[in-house]
PDB file of N, CA and C in Angstrom:
ATOM      1  N   UNK A   1       0.840  -1.189   0.000  1.00  0.00           N
ATOM      2  CA  UNK A   1       0.000   0.000   0.000  1.00  0.00           C
ATOM      3  C   UNK A   1       0.881   1.246   0.000  1.00  0.00           C
ATOM      4  N   UNK A   2       0.476   2.206  -0.767  1.00  0.00           N
ATOM      5  CA  UNK A   2       1.220   3.464  -0.815  1.00  0.00           C
ATOM      6  C   UNK A   2       1.012   4.245   0.484  1.00  0.00           C
ATOM      7  N   UNK A   3       2.016   5.039   0.801  1.00  0.00           N
ATOM      8  CA  UNK A   3       1.961   5.848   2.007  1.00  0.00           C
ATOM      9  C   UNK A   3       0.923   6.963   1.825  1.00  0.00           C
ATOM     10  N   UNK A   4      -0.112   7.001   2.650  1.00  0.00           N
ATOM     11  CA  UNK A   4      -1.129   8.044   2.491  1.00  0.00           C
ATOM     12  C   UNK A   4      -0.613   9.451   2.803  1.00  0.00           C
ATOM     13  N   UNK A   5       0.508   9.562   3.498  1.00  0.00           N
ATOM     14  CA  UNK A   5       1.069  10.882   3.809  1.00  0.00           C
ATOM     15  C   UNK A   5       1.512  11.627   2.556  1.00  0.00           C
ATOM     16  N   UNK A   6       1.728  10.907   1.461  1.00  0.00           N
ATOM     17  CA  UNK A   6       2.176  11.533   0.223  1.00  0.00           C
ATOM     18  C   UNK A   6       1.102  12.446  -0.359  1.00  0.00           C
ATOM     19  N   UNK A   7      -0.157  12.195  -0.044  1.00  0.00           N
ATOM     20  CA  UNK A   7      -1.277  12.890  -0.682  1.00  0.00           C
ATOM     21  C   UNK A   7      -1.242  14.384  -0.379  1.00  0.00           C
ATOM     22  N   UNK A   8      -1.168  14.751   0.877  1.00  0.00           N
ATOM     23  CA  UNK A   8      -1.201  16.175   1.227  1.00  0.00           C
ATOM     24  C   UNK A   8       0.047  16.901   0.765  1.00  0.00           C
ATOM     25  N   UNK A   9       1.194  16.238   0.841  1.00  0.00           N
ATOM     26  CA  UNK A   9       2.430  16.874   0.375  1.00  0.00           C
ATOM     27  C   UNK A   9       2.332  17.185  -1.116  1.00  0.00           C
ATOM     28  N   UNK A  10       1.842  16.226  -1.887  1.00  0.00           N
ATOM     29  CA  UNK A  10       1.700  16.455  -3.322  1.00  0.00           C
ATOM     30  C   UNK A  10       0.654  17.529  -3.610  1.00  0.00           C
ATOM     31  N   UNK A  11      -0.485  17.455  -2.949  1.00  0.00           N
ATOM     32  CA  UNK A  11      -1.557  18.430  -3.188  1.00  0.00           C
ATOM     33  C   UNK A  11      -1.122  19.842  -2.833  1.00  0.00           C
ATOM     34  N   UNK A  12      -0.354  19.995  -1.771  1.00  0.00           N
ATOM     35  CA  UNK A  12       0.148  21.313  -1.395  1.00  0.00           C
ATOM     36  C   UNK A  12       1.096  21.854  -2.460  1.00  0.00           C
ATOM     37  N   UNK A  13       1.975  20.999  -2.969  1.00  0.00           N
ATOM     38  CA  UNK A  13       2.911  21.415  -4.016  1.00  0.00           C
ATOM     39  C   UNK A  13       2.159  21.779  -5.293  1.00  0.00           C
ATOM     40  N   UNK A  14       1.193  20.948  -5.660  1.00  0.00           N
ATOM     41  CA  UNK A  14       0.370  21.187  -6.844  1.00  0.00           C
ATOM     42  C   UNK A  14      -0.362  22.520  -6.716  1.00  0.00           C
ATOM     43  N   UNK A  15      -1.000  22.746  -5.567  1.00  0.00           N
ATOM     44  CA  UNK A  15      -1.773  23.971  -5.353  1.00  0.00           C
ATOM     45  C   UNK A  15      -0.874  25.204  -5.349  1.00  0.00           C
ATOM     46  N   UNK A  16       0.288  25.107  -4.719  1.00  0.00           N
ATOM     47  CA  UNK A  16       1.201  26.251  -4.669  1.00  0.00           C
ATOM     48  C   UNK A  16       1.698  26.621  -6.066  1.00  0.00           C
ATOM     49  N   UNK A  17       1.979  25.616  -6.875  1.00  0.00           N
ATOM     50  CA  UNK A  17       2.429  25.869  -8.240  1.00  0.00           C
ATOM     51  C   UNK A  17       1.307  26.473  -9.073  1.00  0.00           C
ATOM     52  N   UNK A  18       0.123  25.935  -8.931  1.00  0.00           N
ATOM     53  CA  UNK A  18      -1.054  26.443  -9.649  1.00  0.00           C
ATOM     54  C   UNK A  18      -1.287  27.917  -9.298  1.00  0.00           C
ATOM     55  N   UNK A  19      -1.268  28.205  -8.007  1.00  0.00           N
ATOM     56  CA  UNK A  19      -1.516  29.568  -7.545  1.00  0.00           C
ATOM     57  C   UNK A  19      -0.439  30.539  -8.035  1.00  0.00           C
ATOM     58  N   UNK A  20       0.811  30.093  -8.035  1.00  0.00           N
ATOM     59  CA  UNK A  20       1.922  30.977  -8.386  1.00  0.00           C
ATOM     60  C   UNK A  20       2.017  31.257  -9.884  1.00  0.00           C
ATOM     61  N   UNK A  21       1.691  30.274 -10.719  1.00  0.00           N
ATOM     62  CA  UNK A  21       1.961  30.416 -12.146  1.00  0.00           C
ATOM     63  C   UNK A  21       0.725  30.474 -13.044  1.00  0.00           C
ATOM     64  N   UNK A  22      -0.356  29.874 -12.637  1.00  0.00           N
ATOM     65  CA  UNK A  22      -1.540  29.821 -13.520  1.00  0.00           C
ATOM     66  C   UNK A  22      -2.844  29.992 -12.745  1.00  0.00           C
ATOM     67  N   UNK A  23      -2.965  31.006 -11.902  1.00  0.00           N
ATOM     68  CA  UNK A  23      -4.154  31.108 -11.060  1.00  0.00           C
ATOM     69  C   UNK A  23      -5.456  31.346 -11.837  1.00  0.00           C
ATOM     70  N   UNK A  24      -5.341  31.797 -13.080  1.00  0.00           N
ATOM     71  CA  UNK A  24      -6.551  32.039 -13.863  1.00  0.00           C
ATOM     72  C   UNK A  24      -7.121  30.777 -14.498  1.00  0.00           C
ATOM     73  N   UNK A  25      -6.365  29.701 -14.491  1.00  0.00           N
ATOM     74  CA  UNK A  25      -6.847  28.465 -15.100  1.00  0.00           C
ATOM     75  C   UNK A  25      -7.786  27.710 -14.163  1.00  0.00           C
ATOM     76  N   UNK A  26      -8.737  27.029 -14.770  1.00  0.00           N
ATOM     77  CA  UNK A  26      -9.589  26.122 -13.998  1.00  0.00           C
ATOM     78  C   UNK A  26      -8.770  24.880 -13.665  1.00  0.00           C
ATOM     79  N   UNK A  27      -9.273  24.081 -12.728  1.00  0.00           N
ATOM     80  CA  UNK A  27      -8.523  22.909 -12.265  1.00  0.00           C
ATOM     81  C   UNK A  27      -8.101  22.003 -13.425  1.00  0.00           C
ATOM     82  N   UNK A  28      -9.053  21.579 -14.224  1.00  0.00           N
ATOM     83  CA  UNK A  28      -8.723  20.606 -15.273  1.00  0.00           C
ATOM     84  C   UNK A  28      -7.829  21.235 -16.341  1.00  0.00           C
ATOM     85  N   UNK A  29      -7.981  22.509 -16.591  1.00  0.00           N
ATOM     86  CA  UNK A  29      -7.078  23.190 -17.520  1.00  0.00           C
ATOM     87  C   UNK A  29      -5.646  23.106 -17.007  1.00  0.00           C
ATOM     88  N   UNK A  30      -5.478  23.340 -15.710  1.00  0.00           N
ATOM     89  CA  UNK A  30      -4.131  23.281 -15.140  1.00  0.00           C
ATOM     90  C   UNK A  30      -3.579  21.862 -15.192  1.00  0.00           C
ATOM     91  N   UNK A  31      -4.406  20.879 -14.902  1.00  0.00           N
ATOM     92  CA  UNK A  31      -3.962  19.482 -14.974  1.00  0.00           C
ATOM     93  C   UNK A  31      -3.444  19.173 -16.382  1.00  0.00           C
ATOM     94  N   UNK A  32      -4.167  19.612 -17.397  1.00  0.00           N
ATOM     95  CA  UNK A  32      -3.752  19.331 -18.771  1.00  0.00           C
ATOM     96  C   UNK A  32      -2.475  20.075 -19.146  1.00  0.00           C
ATOM     97  N   UNK A  33      -2.308  21.289 -18.638  1.00  0.00           N
ATOM     98  CA  UNK A  33      -1.064  22.024 -18.889  1.00  0.00           C
ATOM     99  C   UNK A  33       0.105  21.261 -18.271  1.00  0.00           C
ATOM    100  N   UNK A  34      -0.038  20.838 -17.037  1.00  0.00           N
ATOM    101  CA  UNK A  34       1.035  20.104 -16.362  1.00  0.00           C
ATOM    102  C   UNK A  34       1.309  18.788 -17.080  1.00  0.00           C
ATOM    103  N   UNK A  35       0.269  18.094 -17.513  1.00  0.00           N
ATOM    104  CA  UNK A  35       0.451  16.828 -18.226  1.00  0.00           C
ATOM    105  C   UNK A  35       1.287  17.030 -19.486  1.00  0.00           C
ATOM    106  N   UNK A  36       1.193  18.194 -20.089  1.00  0.00           N
ATOM    107  CA  UNK A  36       1.995  18.487 -21.267  1.00  0.00           C
ATOM    108  C   UNK A  36       3.484  18.555 -20.982  1.00  0.00           C
ATOM    109  N   UNK A  37       3.865  18.716 -19.732  1.00  0.00           N
ATOM    110  CA  UNK A  37       5.270  18.770 -19.349  1.00  0.00           C
ATOM    111  C   UNK A  37       5.787  17.419 -18.871  1.00  0.00           C
ATOM    112  N   UNK A  38       4.986  16.380 -18.985  1.00  0.00           N
ATOM    113  CA  UNK A  38       5.423  15.047 -18.554  1.00  0.00           C
ATOM    114  C   UNK A  38       6.368  14.438 -19.569  1.00  0.00           C
ATOM    115  N   UNK A  39       7.116  13.439 -19.115  1.00  0.00           N
ATOM    116  CA  UNK A  39       7.952  12.671 -20.027  1.00  0.00           C
ATOM    117  C   UNK A  39       7.065  12.079 -21.115  1.00  0.00           C
ATOM    118  N   UNK A  40       7.634  11.844 -22.258  1.00  0.00           N
ATOM    119  CA  UNK A  40       6.844  11.382 -23.401  1.00  0.00           C
ATOM    120  C   UNK A  40       6.134  10.056 -23.135  1.00  0.00           C
ATOM    121  N   UNK A  41       6.658   9.211 -22.256  1.00  0.00           N
ATOM    122  CA  UNK A  41       5.999   7.929 -22.013  1.00  0.00           C
ATOM    123  C   UNK A  41       4.688   8.076 -21.242  1.00  0.00           C
ATOM    124  N   UNK A  42       4.422   9.247 -20.662  1.00  0.00           N
ATOM    125  CA  UNK A  42       3.157   9.454 -19.952  1.00  0.00           C
ATOM    126  C   UNK A  42       2.218  10.401 -20.691  1.00  0.00           C
ATOM    127  N   UNK A  43       2.686  11.076 -21.728  1.00  0.00           N
ATOM    128  CA  UNK A  43       1.833  12.055 -22.400  1.00  0.00           C
ATOM    129  C   UNK A  43       0.573  11.434 -22.976  1.00  0.00           C
ATOM    130  N   UNK A  44       0.674  10.200 -23.434  1.00  0.00           N
ATOM    131  CA  UNK A  44      -0.502   9.563 -24.011  1.00  0.00           C
ATOM    132  C   UNK A  44      -1.506   9.135 -22.956  1.00  0.00           C
ATOM    133  N   UNK A  45      -1.029   8.819 -21.766  1.00  0.00           N
ATOM    134  CA  UNK A  45      -1.937   8.400 -20.706  1.00  0.00           C
ATOM    135  C   UNK A  45      -1.349   8.702 -19.336  1.00  0.00           C
ATOM    136  N   UNK A  46      -1.510   9.942 -18.859  1.00  0.00           N
ATOM    137  CA  UNK A  46      -0.958  10.306 -17.549  1.00  0.00           C
ATOM    138  C   UNK A  46      -1.664   9.608 -16.388  1.00  0.00           C
ATOM    139  N   UNK A  47      -2.698   8.821 -16.682  1.00  0.00           N
ATOM    140  CA  UNK A  47      -3.397   8.068 -15.649  1.00  0.00           C
ATOM    141  C   UNK A  47      -2.444   7.184 -14.860  1.00  0.00           C
ATOM    142  N   UNK A  48      -1.408   6.671 -15.504  1.00  0.00           N
ATOM    143  CA  UNK A  48      -0.489   5.738 -14.867  1.00  0.00           C
ATOM    144  C   UNK A  48       0.705   6.418 -14.199  1.00  0.00           C
ATOM    145  N   UNK A  49       0.790   7.718 -14.285  1.00  0.00           N
ATOM    146  CA  UNK A  49       1.914   8.436 -13.688  1.00  0.00           C
ATOM    147  C   UNK A  49       1.786   8.469 -12.163  1.00  0.00           C
ATOM    148  N   UNK A  50       2.912   8.351 -11.502  1.00  0.00           N
ATOM    149  CA  UNK A  50       2.966   8.451 -10.044  1.00  0.00           C
ATOM    150  C   UNK A  50       3.122   9.922  -9.658  1.00  0.00           C
ATOM    151  N   UNK A  51       2.982  10.208  -8.379  1.00  0.00           N
ATOM    152  CA  UNK A  51       3.124  11.583  -7.907  1.00  0.00           C
ATOM    153  C   UNK A  51       4.488  12.159  -8.278  1.00  0.00           C
ATOM    154  N   UNK A  52       5.540  11.344  -8.192  1.00  0.00           N
ATOM    155  CA  UNK A  52       6.877  11.843  -8.524  1.00  0.00           C
ATOM    156  C   UNK A  52       6.958  12.271  -9.988  1.00  0.00           C
ATOM    157  N   UNK A  53       6.211  11.602 -10.862  1.00  0.00           N
ATOM    158  CA  UNK A  53       6.179  11.989 -12.268  1.00  0.00           C
ATOM    159  C   UNK A  53       5.458  13.318 -12.451  1.00  0.00           C
ATOM    160  N   UNK A  54       4.366  13.510 -11.718  1.00  0.00           N
ATOM    161  CA  UNK A  54       3.647  14.792 -11.766  1.00  0.00           C
ATOM    162  C   UNK A  54       4.521  15.905 -11.191  1.00  0.00           C
ATOM    163  N   UNK A  55       5.272  15.597 -10.124  1.00  0.00           N
ATOM    164  CA  UNK A  55       6.157  16.600  -9.535  1.00  0.00           C
ATOM    165  C   UNK A  55       7.246  17.020 -10.516  1.00  0.00           C
ATOM    166  N   UNK A  56       7.808  16.058 -11.259  1.00  0.00           N
ATOM    167  CA  UNK A  56       8.802  16.394 -12.282  1.00  0.00           C
ATOM    168  C   UNK A  56       8.184  17.307 -13.338  1.00  0.00           C
ATOM    169  N   UNK A  57       6.958  17.002 -13.733  1.00  0.00           N
ATOM    170  CA  UNK A  57       6.279  17.835 -14.720  1.00  0.00           C
ATOM    171  C   UNK A  57       6.034  19.237 -14.171  1.00  0.00           C
ATOM    172  N   UNK A  58       5.646  19.337 -12.910  1.00  0.00           N
ATOM    173  CA  UNK A  58       5.463  20.650 -12.279  1.00  0.00           C
ATOM    174  C   UNK A  58       6.788  21.411 -12.253  1.00  0.00           C
ATOM    175  N   UNK A  59       7.870  20.708 -11.964  1.00  0.00           N
ATOM    176  CA  UNK A  59       9.192  21.339 -11.947  1.00  0.00           C
ATOM    177  C   UNK A  59       9.570  21.855 -13.333  1.00  0.00           C
ATOM    178  N   UNK A  60       9.297  21.062 -14.365  1.00  0.00           N
ATOM    179  CA  UNK A  60       9.589  21.492 -15.741  1.00  0.00           C
ATOM    180  C   UNK A  60       8.767  22.725 -16.106  1.00  0.00           C
ATOM    181  N   UNK A  61       7.496  22.700 -15.737  1.00  0.00           N
ATOM    182  CA  UNK A  61       6.622  23.823 -16.036  1.00  0.00           C
ATOM    183  C   UNK A  61       7.112  25.075 -15.306  1.00  0.00           C
ATOM    184  N   UNK A  62       7.467  24.920 -14.046  1.00  0.00           N
ATOM    185  CA  UNK A  62       7.972  26.034 -13.253  1.00  0.00           C
ATOM    186  C   UNK A  62       9.238  26.606 -13.891  1.00  0.00           C
ATOM    187  N   UNK A  63      10.153  25.737 -14.308  1.00  0.00           N
ATOM    188  CA  UNK A  63      11.392  26.199 -14.941  1.00  0.00           C
ATOM    189  C   UNK A  63      11.085  26.976 -16.218  1.00  0.00           C
ATOM    190  N   UNK A  64      10.110  26.506 -16.983  1.00  0.00           N
ATOM    191  CA  UNK A  64       9.735  27.216 -18.206  1.00  0.00           C
ATOM    192  C   UNK A  64       9.199  28.609 -17.882  1.00  0.00           C
ATOM    193  N   UNK A  65       8.277  28.696 -16.945  1.00  0.00           N
ATOM    194  CA  UNK A  65       7.687  29.995 -16.590  1.00  0.00           C
ATOM    195  C   UNK A  65       8.744  30.924 -15.994  1.00  0.00           C
ATOM    196  N   UNK A  66       9.659  30.385 -15.202  1.00  0.00           N
ATOM    197  CA  UNK A  66      10.717  31.210 -14.618  1.00  0.00           C
ATOM    198  C   UNK A  66      11.648  31.754 -15.702  1.00  0.00           C
ATOM    199  N   UNK A  67      11.895  30.955 -16.727  1.00  0.00           N
ATOM    200  CA  UNK A  67      12.791  31.405 -17.801  1.00  0.00           C
ATOM    201  C   UNK A  67      12.160  32.518 -18.641  1.00  0.00           C
ATOM    202  N   UNK A  68      10.838  32.624 -18.604  1.00  0.00           N
ATOM    203  CA  UNK A  68      10.127  33.634 -19.390  1.00  0.00           C
ATOM    204  C   UNK A  68       9.955  34.951 -18.640  1.00  0.00           C
ATOM    205  N   UNK A  69      10.245  34.930 -17.344  1.00  0.00           N
ATOM    206  CA  UNK A  69      10.026  36.181 -16.569  1.00  0.00           C
ATOM    207  C   UNK A  69      11.307  36.940 -16.323  1.00  0.00           C
TER     208      UNK A  69
END
């Protein structure tokens, strides 16, 4: 069984990134934007991605937005 403590840590990171970089987007819009930053093996079906994969995608997205400012 996966550690349930991972849920809040991931959700806090997800929410903080959403608020900082794309606060005007709706939830699902933001999910799709982040999914676009995933490794190519998950782009077709991010359903199978783990939290660490989503975190990497959030990091890539953050790096992109930081490079533009």
